[in-house]
């Protein structure tokens, strides 16, 4: 199944340039391992970046805008994938893409999961660099995550199962981008646990009576 929701072109371009923070890079690399379309965009961006560096001695490079650069990418001949989907099955059947698996100390069930609320658990993914927080979120089938907003940007990528909120439905490989203007209540699809990779810049801001009761626990 191909992903339907993708990271922005800005993020893909920043990743290709090697300028993205480590937590966000983990999510983007994990998405790329499952998304041929975004792999092509990154490969083209890297190819164009190499051409620009080669031209630096010949003539000044016009900075231009990201839109102009991406327009050039659209006219570039398609190149081969720079990532190969390399996956392995954990003991509980969860499939973890290689870019993320390298950061995990063990299988998904063996990780130190922390209770956030009924049917919701979280474990951090340790990184060396400072920046946004990154971790894994497990949501039991059919569970409603407490209604909440955000004090900063958040990216959520589905690794298994799926969820639905006011912005749409998300399945394996899909990425949802949230900012401080989004208040939502993700609901895990029935039948299978939803496993997500989450990168957050700020804090979750629960709303509603139940969410406020859970606020001391409902934080990454």
N, C-alpha and C. Protein backbone atom coordinates (compact mmCIF):
# COMPACT_ATOMS: atom_id res chain seq x y z
N UNK A 1 0.85 -1.20 0.00
CA UNK A 1 0.00 0.00 0.00
C UNK A 1 0.88 1.24 0.00
N UNK A 2 0.66 2.14 -0.95
CA UNK A 2 1.43 3.37 -1.02
C UNK A 2 0.86 4.41 -0.07
N UNK A 3 1.74 5.24 0.48
CA UNK A 3 1.30 6.28 1.41
C UNK A 3 0.45 7.32 0.69
N UNK A 4 -0.54 7.85 1.39
CA UNK A 4 -1.42 8.89 0.85
C UNK A 4 -1.12 10.26 1.43
N UNK A 5 -0.48 10.28 2.60
CA UNK A 5 -0.15 11.54 3.27
C UNK A 5 1.36 11.61 3.44
N UNK A 6 1.97 12.68 2.94
CA UNK A 6 3.42 12.76 2.86
C UNK A 6 3.96 13.97 3.63
N UNK A 7 5.25 13.94 4.01
CA UNK A 7 5.88 15.15 4.55
C UNK A 7 5.89 16.25 3.50
N UNK A 8 5.99 17.50 3.93
CA UNK A 8 6.01 18.61 2.98
C UNK A 8 7.29 18.58 2.14
N UNK A 9 7.23 19.22 0.96
CA UNK A 9 8.42 19.32 0.12
C UNK A 9 9.54 20.07 0.84
N UNK A 10 9.17 21.05 1.67
CA UNK A 10 10.18 21.78 2.44
C UNK A 10 10.99 20.83 3.30
N UNK A 11 10.30 19.91 3.99
CA UNK A 11 11.00 18.96 4.86
C UNK A 11 11.86 18.00 4.05
N UNK A 12 11.33 17.52 2.94
CA UNK A 12 12.10 16.59 2.10
C UNK A 12 13.35 17.26 1.57
N UNK A 13 13.21 18.54 1.16
CA UNK A 13 14.37 19.28 0.64
C UNK A 13 15.41 19.50 1.75
N UNK A 14 14.94 19.87 2.95
CA UNK A 14 15.85 20.08 4.06
C UNK A 14 16.56 18.79 4.44
N UNK A 15 15.83 17.68 4.41
CA UNK A 15 16.44 16.38 4.67
C UNK A 15 17.51 16.07 3.64
N UNK A 16 17.20 16.29 2.37
CA UNK A 16 18.16 16.01 1.30
C UNK A 16 19.42 16.85 1.45
N UNK A 17 19.26 18.07 1.98
CA UNK A 17 20.40 18.97 2.17
C UNK A 17 21.20 18.62 3.41
N UNK A 18 20.71 17.67 4.21
CA UNK A 18 21.41 17.29 5.43
C UNK A 18 21.26 18.29 6.55
N UNK A 19 20.23 19.13 6.50
CA UNK A 19 20.05 20.21 7.47
C UNK A 19 18.93 19.95 8.46
N UNK A 20 18.32 18.78 8.41
CA UNK A 20 17.19 18.49 9.28
C UNK A 20 17.69 17.92 10.60
N UNK A 21 17.01 18.26 11.71
CA UNK A 21 17.39 17.74 13.01
C UNK A 21 17.27 16.22 13.04
N UNK A 22 17.98 15.58 13.97
CA UNK A 22 18.03 14.13 14.02
C UNK A 22 16.67 13.47 14.24
N UNK A 23 15.86 13.91 15.21
CA UNK A 23 14.55 13.27 15.40
C UNK A 23 13.68 13.32 14.14
N UNK A 24 13.60 14.49 13.50
CA UNK A 24 12.80 14.60 12.28
C UNK A 24 13.40 13.77 11.16
N UNK A 25 14.72 13.67 11.11
CA UNK A 25 15.38 12.88 10.07
C UNK A 25 15.04 11.40 10.22
N UNK A 26 14.91 10.94 11.47
CA UNK A 26 14.53 9.54 11.68
C UNK A 26 13.16 9.29 11.07
N UNK A 27 12.22 10.19 11.32
CA UNK A 27 10.87 10.01 10.78
C UNK A 27 10.88 10.09 9.25
N UNK A 28 11.59 11.06 8.69
CA UNK A 28 11.62 11.20 7.24
C UNK A 28 12.26 9.97 6.60
N UNK A 29 13.38 9.51 7.15
CA UNK A 29 14.05 8.33 6.60
C UNK A 29 13.16 7.10 6.69
N UNK A 30 12.41 6.98 7.79
CA UNK A 30 11.49 5.85 7.94
C UNK A 30 10.37 5.93 6.92
N UNK A 31 9.85 7.13 6.69
CA UNK A 31 8.82 7.31 5.66
C UNK A 31 9.38 6.99 4.28
N UNK A 32 10.59 7.43 3.99
CA UNK A 32 11.19 7.18 2.68
C UNK A 32 11.35 5.70 2.40
N UNK A 33 11.60 4.91 3.45
CA UNK A 33 11.75 3.47 3.25
C UNK A 33 10.47 2.81 2.80
N UNK A 34 9.33 3.52 2.97
CA UNK A 34 8.03 2.97 2.59
C UNK A 34 7.37 3.72 1.44
N UNK A 35 7.97 4.82 0.98
CA UNK A 35 7.30 5.69 0.00
C UNK A 35 8.18 5.95 -1.22
N UNK A 36 7.97 5.25 -2.31
CA UNK A 36 8.76 5.46 -3.53
C UNK A 36 8.65 6.88 -4.07
N UNK A 37 7.48 7.51 -3.94
CA UNK A 37 7.29 8.86 -4.49
C UNK A 37 8.21 9.85 -3.79
N UNK A 38 8.28 9.79 -2.46
CA UNK A 38 9.14 10.72 -1.74
C UNK A 38 10.61 10.38 -1.90
N UNK A 39 10.93 9.09 -2.08
CA UNK A 39 12.32 8.73 -2.37
C UNK A 39 12.79 9.38 -3.66
N UNK A 40 11.91 9.45 -4.64
CA UNK A 40 12.26 10.07 -5.92
C UNK A 40 12.51 11.56 -5.74
N UNK A 41 11.66 12.22 -4.94
CA UNK A 41 11.85 13.66 -4.70
C UNK A 41 13.20 13.91 -4.03
N UNK A 42 13.54 13.11 -3.02
CA UNK A 42 14.81 13.30 -2.32
C UNK A 42 15.99 13.00 -3.23
N UNK A 43 15.87 11.96 -4.05
CA UNK A 43 16.96 11.63 -4.96
C UNK A 43 17.19 12.76 -5.96
N UNK A 44 16.12 13.34 -6.47
CA UNK A 44 16.25 14.46 -7.40
C UNK A 44 16.86 15.68 -6.71
N UNK A 45 16.43 15.91 -5.46
CA UNK A 45 16.97 17.05 -4.71
C UNK A 45 18.46 16.88 -4.48
N UNK A 46 18.88 15.68 -4.13
CA UNK A 46 20.30 15.42 -3.91
C UNK A 46 21.09 15.57 -5.21
N UNK A 47 20.49 15.12 -6.30
CA UNK A 47 21.15 15.24 -7.59
C UNK A 47 21.32 16.70 -7.97
N UNK A 48 20.26 17.48 -7.80
CA UNK A 48 20.32 18.90 -8.12
C UNK A 48 21.31 19.62 -7.22
N UNK A 49 21.33 19.24 -5.93
CA UNK A 49 22.27 19.85 -5.00
C UNK A 49 23.70 19.63 -5.44
N UNK A 50 24.00 18.42 -5.93
CA UNK A 50 25.34 18.15 -6.42
C UNK A 50 25.68 19.00 -7.62
N UNK A 51 24.71 19.21 -8.51
CA UNK A 51 24.96 20.04 -9.69
C UNK A 51 25.22 21.49 -9.30
N UNK A 52 24.48 21.98 -8.30
CA UNK A 52 24.67 23.36 -7.85
C UNK A 52 26.06 23.56 -7.26
N UNK A 53 26.53 22.59 -6.50
CA UNK A 53 27.87 22.71 -5.92
C UNK A 53 28.94 22.69 -7.01
N UNK A 54 28.72 21.89 -8.04
CA UNK A 54 29.69 21.83 -9.14
C UNK A 54 29.77 23.16 -9.88
N UNK A 55 28.65 23.91 -9.90
CA UNK A 55 28.60 25.18 -10.64
C UNK A 55 29.08 26.37 -9.82
N UNK A 56 29.38 26.16 -8.53
CA UNK A 56 29.74 27.29 -7.68
C UNK A 56 30.98 28.04 -8.17
N UNK A 57 31.96 27.31 -8.70
CA UNK A 57 33.18 27.95 -9.16
C UNK A 57 33.00 28.63 -10.50
N UNK A 58 31.99 28.19 -11.24
CA UNK A 58 31.79 28.73 -12.58
C UNK A 58 30.99 30.03 -12.55
N UNK A 59 29.98 30.09 -11.69
CA UNK A 59 29.11 31.28 -11.64
C UNK A 59 28.37 31.31 -10.33
N UNK A 60 27.98 32.50 -9.87
CA UNK A 60 27.20 32.61 -8.64
C UNK A 60 25.87 31.90 -8.79
N UNK A 61 25.40 31.30 -7.70
CA UNK A 61 24.12 30.60 -7.72
C UNK A 61 23.04 31.51 -7.16
N UNK A 62 21.98 31.69 -7.93
CA UNK A 62 20.85 32.49 -7.49
C UNK A 62 20.09 31.71 -6.42
N UNK A 63 19.96 32.29 -5.22
CA UNK A 63 19.32 31.57 -4.13
C UNK A 63 17.89 31.19 -4.50
N UNK A 64 17.13 32.16 -5.04
CA UNK A 64 15.76 31.88 -5.48
C UNK A 64 14.88 31.42 -4.33
N UNK A 65 13.78 30.83 -4.67
CA UNK A 65 12.85 30.33 -3.67
C UNK A 65 12.77 28.82 -3.76
N UNK A 66 12.23 28.21 -2.71
CA UNK A 66 12.06 26.76 -2.72
C UNK A 66 11.16 26.33 -3.87
N UNK A 67 10.14 27.13 -4.17
CA UNK A 67 9.23 26.78 -5.26
C UNK A 67 9.98 26.70 -6.58
N UNK A 68 10.91 27.62 -6.80
CA UNK A 68 11.66 27.62 -8.05
C UNK A 68 12.55 26.38 -8.14
N UNK A 69 13.15 26.01 -7.02
CA UNK A 69 14.02 24.83 -7.01
C UNK A 69 13.20 23.58 -7.28
N UNK A 70 12.04 23.48 -6.61
CA UNK A 70 11.20 22.30 -6.81
C UNK A 70 10.66 22.23 -8.24
N UNK A 71 10.44 23.39 -8.86
CA UNK A 71 10.01 23.40 -10.25
C UNK A 71 11.07 22.77 -11.13
N UNK A 72 12.34 23.04 -10.81
CA UNK A 72 13.43 22.42 -11.56
C UNK A 72 13.44 20.92 -11.35
N UNK A 73 13.12 20.50 -10.11
CA UNK A 73 13.09 19.07 -9.83
C UNK A 73 12.02 18.37 -10.66
N UNK A 74 10.90 19.05 -10.85
CA UNK A 74 9.82 18.45 -11.62
C UNK A 74 10.23 18.21 -13.07
N UNK A 75 11.17 18.99 -13.55
CA UNK A 75 11.63 18.85 -14.93
C UNK A 75 12.85 17.95 -15.06
N UNK A 76 13.30 17.40 -13.93
CA UNK A 76 14.47 16.53 -13.94
C UNK A 76 14.05 15.10 -14.24
N UNK A 77 14.86 14.43 -15.01
CA UNK A 77 14.56 13.05 -15.35
C UNK A 77 14.55 12.21 -14.08
N UNK A 78 13.60 11.31 -13.97
CA UNK A 78 13.47 10.50 -12.77
C UNK A 78 14.71 9.65 -12.57
N UNK A 79 15.20 9.61 -11.32
CA UNK A 79 16.38 8.82 -11.01
C UNK A 79 15.98 7.67 -10.12
N UNK A 80 16.91 6.73 -9.94
CA UNK A 80 16.61 5.56 -9.14
C UNK A 80 16.47 5.89 -7.67
N UNK A 81 15.85 5.01 -6.92
CA UNK A 81 15.63 5.23 -5.50
C UNK A 81 16.95 5.27 -4.74
N UNK A 82 17.04 6.17 -3.79
CA UNK A 82 18.23 6.24 -2.96
C UNK A 82 18.06 5.40 -1.70
N UNK A 83 16.87 4.88 -1.49
CA UNK A 83 16.61 4.03 -0.34
C UNK A 83 16.01 2.71 -0.84
N UNK A 84 16.34 1.64 -0.17
CA UNK A 84 15.74 0.34 -0.47
C UNK A 84 14.93 -0.06 0.75
N UNK A 85 13.71 -0.48 0.52
CA UNK A 85 12.87 -0.87 1.64
C UNK A 85 13.47 -2.11 2.29
N UNK A 86 13.95 -1.96 3.50
CA UNK A 86 14.65 -3.03 4.21
C UNK A 86 13.96 -3.21 5.55
N UNK A 87 13.20 -4.27 5.66
CA UNK A 87 12.37 -4.41 6.86
C UNK A 87 12.57 -5.78 7.49
N UNK A 88 12.31 -5.86 8.80
CA UNK A 88 12.36 -7.13 9.50
C UNK A 88 11.18 -7.22 10.43
N UNK A 89 10.76 -8.45 10.74
CA UNK A 89 9.59 -8.65 11.58
C UNK A 89 10.01 -8.84 13.03
N UNK A 90 9.40 -8.05 13.92
CA UNK A 90 9.61 -8.28 15.34
C UNK A 90 8.84 -9.51 15.76
N UNK A 91 9.08 -9.93 16.98
CA UNK A 91 8.50 -11.19 17.43
C UNK A 91 6.97 -11.15 17.51
N UNK A 92 6.38 -9.95 17.62
CA UNK A 92 4.92 -9.86 17.69
C UNK A 92 4.31 -9.57 16.33
N UNK A 93 5.11 -9.63 15.25
CA UNK A 93 4.59 -9.41 13.92
C UNK A 93 4.66 -7.97 13.46
N UNK A 94 5.08 -7.03 14.33
CA UNK A 94 5.20 -5.63 13.93
C UNK A 94 6.40 -5.48 13.00
N UNK A 95 6.21 -4.82 11.88
CA UNK A 95 7.27 -4.62 10.91
C UNK A 95 7.87 -3.24 11.09
N UNK A 96 9.15 -3.18 11.41
CA UNK A 96 9.82 -1.92 11.69
C UNK A 96 10.83 -1.62 10.58
N UNK A 97 10.66 -0.51 9.85
CA UNK A 97 11.62 -0.15 8.80
C UNK A 97 13.02 0.02 9.37
N UNK A 98 14.02 -0.30 8.55
CA UNK A 98 15.41 -0.30 9.00
C UNK A 98 15.89 1.02 9.60
N UNK A 99 15.56 2.20 9.02
CA UNK A 99 16.08 3.45 9.60
C UNK A 99 15.68 3.65 11.05
N UNK A 100 14.48 3.19 11.43
CA UNK A 100 14.03 3.30 12.81
C UNK A 100 14.59 2.17 13.66
N UNK A 101 14.64 0.97 13.10
CA UNK A 101 15.07 -0.20 13.86
C UNK A 101 16.47 -0.01 14.43
N UNK A 102 17.31 0.75 13.73
CA UNK A 102 18.67 1.00 14.20
C UNK A 102 18.69 1.78 15.52
N UNK A 103 17.61 2.50 15.83
CA UNK A 103 17.55 3.32 17.04
C UNK A 103 16.89 2.59 18.20
N UNK A 104 16.33 1.42 17.96
CA UNK A 104 15.61 0.71 19.01
C UNK A 104 16.52 -0.31 19.69
N UNK A 105 16.52 -0.36 21.04
CA UNK A 105 17.39 -1.29 21.75
C UNK A 105 16.90 -2.73 21.74
N UNK A 106 15.69 -2.94 21.26
CA UNK A 106 15.13 -4.29 21.21
C UNK A 106 13.87 -4.31 20.40
N UNK A 107 13.13 -5.41 20.48
CA UNK A 107 11.88 -5.53 19.74
C UNK A 107 10.84 -4.59 20.33
N UNK A 108 9.81 -4.31 19.57
CA UNK A 108 8.77 -3.39 20.01
C UNK A 108 8.15 -3.81 21.35
N UNK A 109 7.80 -5.08 21.56
CA UNK A 109 7.17 -5.45 22.85
C UNK A 109 8.10 -5.27 24.04
N UNK A 110 9.41 -5.36 23.82
CA UNK A 110 10.36 -5.31 24.93
C UNK A 110 10.71 -3.89 25.37
N UNK A 111 10.26 -2.88 24.65
CA UNK A 111 10.62 -1.50 24.97
C UNK A 111 9.92 -1.04 26.25
N UNK A 112 10.49 -0.06 26.95
CA UNK A 112 9.91 0.41 28.22
C UNK A 112 8.70 1.32 28.02
N UNK A 113 7.54 0.73 27.84
CA UNK A 113 6.34 1.50 27.53
C UNK A 113 5.77 2.16 28.79
N UNK A 114 5.35 3.42 28.64
CA UNK A 114 4.76 4.18 29.74
C UNK A 114 3.29 4.44 29.46
N UNK A 115 2.45 4.24 30.47
CA UNK A 115 0.99 4.42 30.35
C UNK A 115 0.67 5.90 30.25
N UNK A 116 -0.10 6.29 29.21
CA UNK A 116 -0.55 7.68 29.05
C UNK A 116 -2.03 7.85 29.34
N UNK A 117 -2.74 6.76 29.28
CA UNK A 117 -4.18 6.77 29.44
C UNK A 117 -4.72 5.42 29.01
N UNK A 118 -6.02 5.19 29.16
CA UNK A 118 -6.59 3.90 28.77
C UNK A 118 -6.28 3.55 27.31
N UNK A 119 -5.56 2.45 27.10
CA UNK A 119 -5.27 1.99 25.74
C UNK A 119 -4.17 2.74 25.03
N UNK A 120 -3.46 3.63 25.71
CA UNK A 120 -2.42 4.45 25.07
C UNK A 120 -1.11 4.32 25.85
N UNK A 121 -0.03 3.98 25.15
CA UNK A 121 1.29 3.86 25.77
C UNK A 121 2.34 4.55 24.90
N UNK A 122 3.43 4.96 25.54
CA UNK A 122 4.47 5.71 24.83
C UNK A 122 5.84 5.30 25.33
N UNK A 123 6.82 5.30 24.43
CA UNK A 123 8.21 5.08 24.81
C UNK A 123 9.10 6.02 24.00
N UNK A 124 10.08 6.66 24.64
CA UNK A 124 10.95 7.57 23.89
C UNK A 124 11.96 6.81 23.05
N UNK A 125 12.38 7.43 21.97
CA UNK A 125 13.49 6.93 21.15
C UNK A 125 14.69 7.82 21.47
N UNK A 126 15.76 7.23 21.93
CA UNK A 126 16.92 8.01 22.36
C UNK A 126 17.76 8.46 21.16
N UNK A 127 18.06 9.76 21.14
CA UNK A 127 18.93 10.34 20.12
C UNK A 127 20.02 11.14 20.82
N UNK A 128 21.12 11.37 20.12
CA UNK A 128 22.25 12.09 20.72
C UNK A 128 22.06 13.61 20.62
N UNK A 129 21.53 14.06 19.52
CA UNK A 129 21.42 15.51 19.29
C UNK A 129 20.23 16.10 20.03
N UNK A 130 20.35 17.39 20.39
CA UNK A 130 19.24 18.10 20.99
C UNK A 130 18.24 18.49 19.91
N UNK A 131 16.99 18.65 20.29
CA UNK A 131 15.97 19.03 19.32
C UNK A 131 14.63 18.51 19.75
N UNK A 132 13.72 18.29 18.82
CA UNK A 132 12.40 17.78 19.15
C UNK A 132 12.48 16.41 19.84
N UNK A 133 11.42 16.06 20.54
CA UNK A 133 11.34 14.73 21.15
C UNK A 133 10.82 13.74 20.12
N UNK A 134 11.31 12.51 20.18
CA UNK A 134 10.87 11.47 19.25
C UNK A 134 10.60 10.20 20.04
N UNK A 135 9.50 9.53 19.71
CA UNK A 135 9.15 8.32 20.42
C UNK A 135 8.10 7.52 19.67
N UNK A 136 7.74 6.40 20.25
CA UNK A 136 6.73 5.51 19.68
C UNK A 136 5.47 5.56 20.52
N UNK A 137 4.34 5.52 19.85
CA UNK A 137 3.03 5.58 20.49
C UNK A 137 2.23 4.34 20.10
N UNK A 138 1.71 3.63 21.10
CA UNK A 138 0.86 2.46 20.84
C UNK A 138 -0.56 2.78 21.29
N UNK A 139 -1.50 2.55 20.39
CA UNK A 139 -2.90 2.84 20.68
C UNK A 139 -3.70 1.57 20.42
N UNK A 140 -4.42 1.09 21.43
CA UNK A 140 -5.21 -0.13 21.28
C UNK A 140 -6.31 0.06 20.24
N UNK A 141 -6.72 -1.01 19.55
CA UNK A 141 -7.75 -0.90 18.51
C UNK A 141 -9.01 -0.21 19.02
N UNK A 142 -9.49 0.76 18.24
CA UNK A 142 -10.72 1.46 18.58
C UNK A 142 -10.59 2.51 19.66
N UNK A 143 -9.41 2.70 20.22
CA UNK A 143 -9.22 3.65 21.32
C UNK A 143 -9.21 5.09 20.83
N UNK A 144 -9.88 5.95 21.58
CA UNK A 144 -9.85 7.38 21.29
C UNK A 144 -8.76 8.04 22.13
N UNK A 145 -7.80 8.64 21.47
CA UNK A 145 -6.79 9.41 22.19
C UNK A 145 -7.48 10.66 22.75
N UNK A 146 -7.14 11.09 23.97
CA UNK A 146 -7.79 12.30 24.52
C UNK A 146 -7.67 13.49 23.58
N UNK A 147 -8.74 14.27 23.48
CA UNK A 147 -8.73 15.48 22.66
C UNK A 147 -7.60 16.40 23.13
N UNK A 148 -6.82 16.90 22.17
CA UNK A 148 -5.68 17.73 22.57
C UNK A 148 -5.25 18.66 21.44
N UNK A 149 -4.55 19.72 21.84
CA UNK A 149 -3.89 20.61 20.90
C UNK A 149 -2.39 20.48 21.08
N UNK A 150 -1.63 21.42 20.52
CA UNK A 150 -0.17 21.34 20.54
C UNK A 150 0.40 22.73 20.77
N UNK A 151 1.49 22.79 21.54
CA UNK A 151 2.17 24.06 21.73
C UNK A 151 3.28 24.27 20.70
N UNK A 152 3.47 23.29 19.84
CA UNK A 152 4.47 23.37 18.77
C UNK A 152 4.12 22.38 17.68
N UNK A 153 4.99 22.24 16.71
CA UNK A 153 4.74 21.33 15.60
C UNK A 153 4.88 19.88 16.04
N UNK A 154 4.14 19.03 15.35
CA UNK A 154 4.19 17.59 15.63
C UNK A 154 4.04 16.83 14.32
N UNK A 155 4.84 15.77 14.15
CA UNK A 155 4.67 14.86 13.01
C UNK A 155 4.40 13.46 13.56
N UNK A 156 3.42 12.80 12.98
CA UNK A 156 3.06 11.44 13.38
C UNK A 156 3.06 10.55 12.14
N UNK A 157 3.83 9.47 12.20
CA UNK A 157 3.87 8.52 11.09
C UNK A 157 3.36 7.16 11.56
N UNK A 158 2.46 6.57 10.79
CA UNK A 158 1.88 5.28 11.14
C UNK A 158 2.83 4.16 10.70
N UNK A 159 3.14 3.26 11.65
CA UNK A 159 3.97 2.10 11.36
C UNK A 159 3.15 0.82 11.24
N UNK A 160 2.03 0.77 11.95
CA UNK A 160 1.14 -0.40 11.89
C UNK A 160 -0.26 0.06 12.26
N UNK A 161 -1.25 -0.65 11.73
CA UNK A 161 -2.64 -0.26 12.00
C UNK A 161 -2.96 1.06 11.33
N UNK A 162 -3.74 1.88 11.99
CA UNK A 162 -4.11 3.17 11.42
C UNK A 162 -4.94 3.96 12.40
N UNK A 163 -5.18 5.24 12.08
CA UNK A 163 -6.05 6.08 12.90
C UNK A 163 -6.75 7.09 12.01
N UNK A 164 -7.79 7.67 12.57
CA UNK A 164 -8.59 8.68 11.87
C UNK A 164 -8.83 9.85 12.81
N UNK A 165 -8.74 11.06 12.27
CA UNK A 165 -9.13 12.24 13.03
C UNK A 165 -9.80 13.22 12.08
N UNK A 166 -9.97 14.46 12.51
CA UNK A 166 -10.69 15.43 11.70
C UNK A 166 -9.98 15.76 10.39
N UNK A 167 -8.70 15.46 10.30
CA UNK A 167 -7.95 15.79 9.08
C UNK A 167 -7.94 14.66 8.06
N UNK A 168 -8.36 13.45 8.44
CA UNK A 168 -8.37 12.35 7.49
C UNK A 168 -8.03 11.02 8.14
N UNK A 169 -7.82 10.01 7.30
CA UNK A 169 -7.46 8.67 7.76
C UNK A 169 -6.01 8.38 7.39
N UNK A 170 -5.30 7.75 8.30
CA UNK A 170 -3.87 7.52 8.13
C UNK A 170 -3.55 6.03 8.32
N UNK A 171 -2.80 5.49 7.36
CA UNK A 171 -2.42 4.08 7.39
C UNK A 171 -0.89 3.98 7.37
N UNK A 172 -0.39 2.76 7.32
CA UNK A 172 1.06 2.52 7.37
C UNK A 172 1.79 3.39 6.34
N UNK A 173 2.78 4.13 6.79
CA UNK A 173 3.57 4.99 5.91
C UNK A 173 3.09 6.42 5.85
N UNK A 174 1.83 6.68 6.23
CA UNK A 174 1.28 8.03 6.17
C UNK A 174 1.87 8.91 7.28
N UNK A 175 2.00 10.20 6.97
CA UNK A 175 2.52 11.18 7.93
C UNK A 175 1.49 12.30 8.12
N UNK A 176 1.13 12.56 9.38
CA UNK A 176 0.28 13.70 9.70
C UNK A 176 1.14 14.80 10.30
N UNK A 177 1.00 16.01 9.80
CA UNK A 177 1.71 17.17 10.34
C UNK A 177 0.70 18.03 11.09
N UNK A 178 0.99 18.32 12.36
CA UNK A 178 0.11 19.16 13.18
C UNK A 178 0.89 20.37 13.68
N UNK A 179 0.18 21.49 13.86
CA UNK A 179 0.80 22.68 14.42
C UNK A 179 -0.04 23.16 15.59
N UNK A 180 0.30 24.34 16.12
CA UNK A 180 -0.41 24.81 17.31
C UNK A 180 -1.85 25.25 17.02
N UNK A 181 -2.25 25.17 15.76
CA UNK A 181 -3.62 25.52 15.42
C UNK A 181 -4.55 24.32 15.34
N UNK A 182 -4.00 23.11 15.46
CA UNK A 182 -4.82 21.90 15.32
C UNK A 182 -5.20 21.34 16.68
N UNK A 183 -6.50 21.16 16.89
CA UNK A 183 -7.02 20.43 18.04
C UNK A 183 -7.73 19.21 17.48
N UNK A 184 -7.33 18.02 17.93
CA UNK A 184 -7.91 16.82 17.33
C UNK A 184 -7.97 15.68 18.33
N UNK A 185 -8.69 14.63 17.94
CA UNK A 185 -8.82 13.43 18.75
C UNK A 185 -8.65 12.20 17.85
N UNK A 186 -7.42 11.75 17.68
CA UNK A 186 -7.20 10.56 16.85
C UNK A 186 -7.90 9.34 17.45
N UNK A 187 -8.46 8.52 16.56
CA UNK A 187 -9.13 7.29 16.98
C UNK A 187 -8.48 6.13 16.22
N UNK A 188 -7.94 5.17 16.95
CA UNK A 188 -7.30 4.03 16.31
C UNK A 188 -8.33 3.19 15.57
N UNK A 189 -7.94 2.70 14.40
CA UNK A 189 -8.84 1.84 13.63
C UNK A 189 -9.11 0.55 14.40
N UNK A 190 -10.27 -0.05 14.20
CA UNK A 190 -10.58 -1.32 14.88
C UNK A 190 -9.78 -2.48 14.29
N UNK A 191 -9.59 -3.49 15.10
CA UNK A 191 -9.01 -4.74 14.59
C UNK A 191 -7.52 -4.90 14.76
N UNK A 192 -6.76 -3.80 14.82
CA UNK A 192 -5.31 -3.91 14.93
C UNK A 192 -4.77 -2.72 15.73
N UNK A 193 -3.81 -3.01 16.59
CA UNK A 193 -3.18 -1.93 17.35
C UNK A 193 -2.51 -0.94 16.41
N UNK A 194 -2.61 0.34 16.75
CA UNK A 194 -1.97 1.38 15.95
C UNK A 194 -0.63 1.73 16.58
N UNK A 195 0.44 1.60 15.81
CA UNK A 195 1.78 1.94 16.26
C UNK A 195 2.27 3.12 15.44
N UNK A 196 2.68 4.19 16.12
CA UNK A 196 3.10 5.41 15.42
C UNK A 196 4.47 5.87 15.90
N UNK A 197 5.19 6.51 15.01
CA UNK A 197 6.41 7.23 15.33
C UNK A 197 6.04 8.71 15.42
N UNK A 198 6.36 9.36 16.55
CA UNK A 198 5.90 10.72 16.80
C UNK A 198 7.10 11.63 17.09
N UNK A 199 7.15 12.78 16.42
CA UNK A 199 8.16 13.80 16.67
C UNK A 199 7.45 15.07 17.11
N UNK A 200 7.76 15.56 18.30
CA UNK A 200 7.06 16.72 18.86
C UNK A 200 8.05 17.81 19.26
N UNK A 201 7.72 19.05 18.92
CA UNK A 201 8.56 20.19 19.29
C UNK A 201 8.11 20.83 20.60
N UNK A 202 6.83 20.75 20.90
CA UNK A 202 6.29 21.37 22.10
C UNK A 202 5.65 20.34 22.99
N UNK A 203 4.64 20.76 23.74
CA UNK A 203 3.91 19.88 24.64
C UNK A 203 2.49 19.66 24.13
N UNK A 204 1.94 18.50 24.46
CA UNK A 204 0.53 18.25 24.18
C UNK A 204 -0.31 19.10 25.13
N UNK A 205 -1.43 19.57 24.64
CA UNK A 205 -2.30 20.41 25.44
C UNK A 205 -3.71 19.81 25.47
N UNK A 206 -3.98 18.92 26.44
CA UNK A 206 -5.28 18.26 26.52
C UNK A 206 -6.41 19.27 26.69
N UNK A 207 -7.54 18.98 26.09
CA UNK A 207 -8.73 19.80 26.25
C UNK A 207 -9.89 18.90 26.67
N UNK A 208 -10.90 19.46 27.28
CA UNK A 208 -12.02 18.67 27.74
C UNK A 208 -11.77 18.10 29.13
N UNK A 209 -12.83 17.70 29.82
CA UNK A 209 -12.74 17.27 31.21
C UNK A 209 -11.89 16.02 31.37
N UNK A 210 -12.15 14.97 30.55
CA UNK A 210 -11.42 13.71 30.68
C UNK A 210 -9.94 13.93 30.38
N UNK A 211 -9.67 14.69 29.31
CA UNK A 211 -8.28 14.94 28.94
C UNK A 211 -7.53 15.67 30.04
N UNK A 212 -8.21 16.63 30.70
CA UNK A 212 -7.54 17.39 31.76
C UNK A 212 -7.26 16.52 32.98
N UNK A 213 -8.13 15.55 33.25
CA UNK A 213 -7.89 14.61 34.34
C UNK A 213 -6.64 13.79 34.06
N UNK A 214 -6.44 13.44 32.78
CA UNK A 214 -5.30 12.62 32.39
C UNK A 214 -4.04 13.44 32.13
N UNK A 215 -4.13 14.75 32.21
CA UNK A 215 -3.01 15.61 31.84
C UNK A 215 -1.69 15.27 32.52
N UNK A 216 -1.68 14.90 33.83
CA UNK A 216 -0.40 14.57 34.45
C UNK A 216 0.30 13.38 33.78
N UNK A 217 -0.46 12.50 33.12
CA UNK A 217 0.12 11.32 32.48
C UNK A 217 0.30 11.52 30.98
N UNK A 218 -0.55 12.36 30.39
CA UNK A 218 -0.63 12.49 28.94
C UNK A 218 0.39 13.50 28.44
N UNK A 219 1.66 13.11 28.50
CA UNK A 219 2.72 13.97 28.00
C UNK A 219 3.88 13.09 27.54
N UNK A 220 4.58 13.57 26.51
CA UNK A 220 5.70 12.80 25.97
C UNK A 220 7.00 13.24 26.64
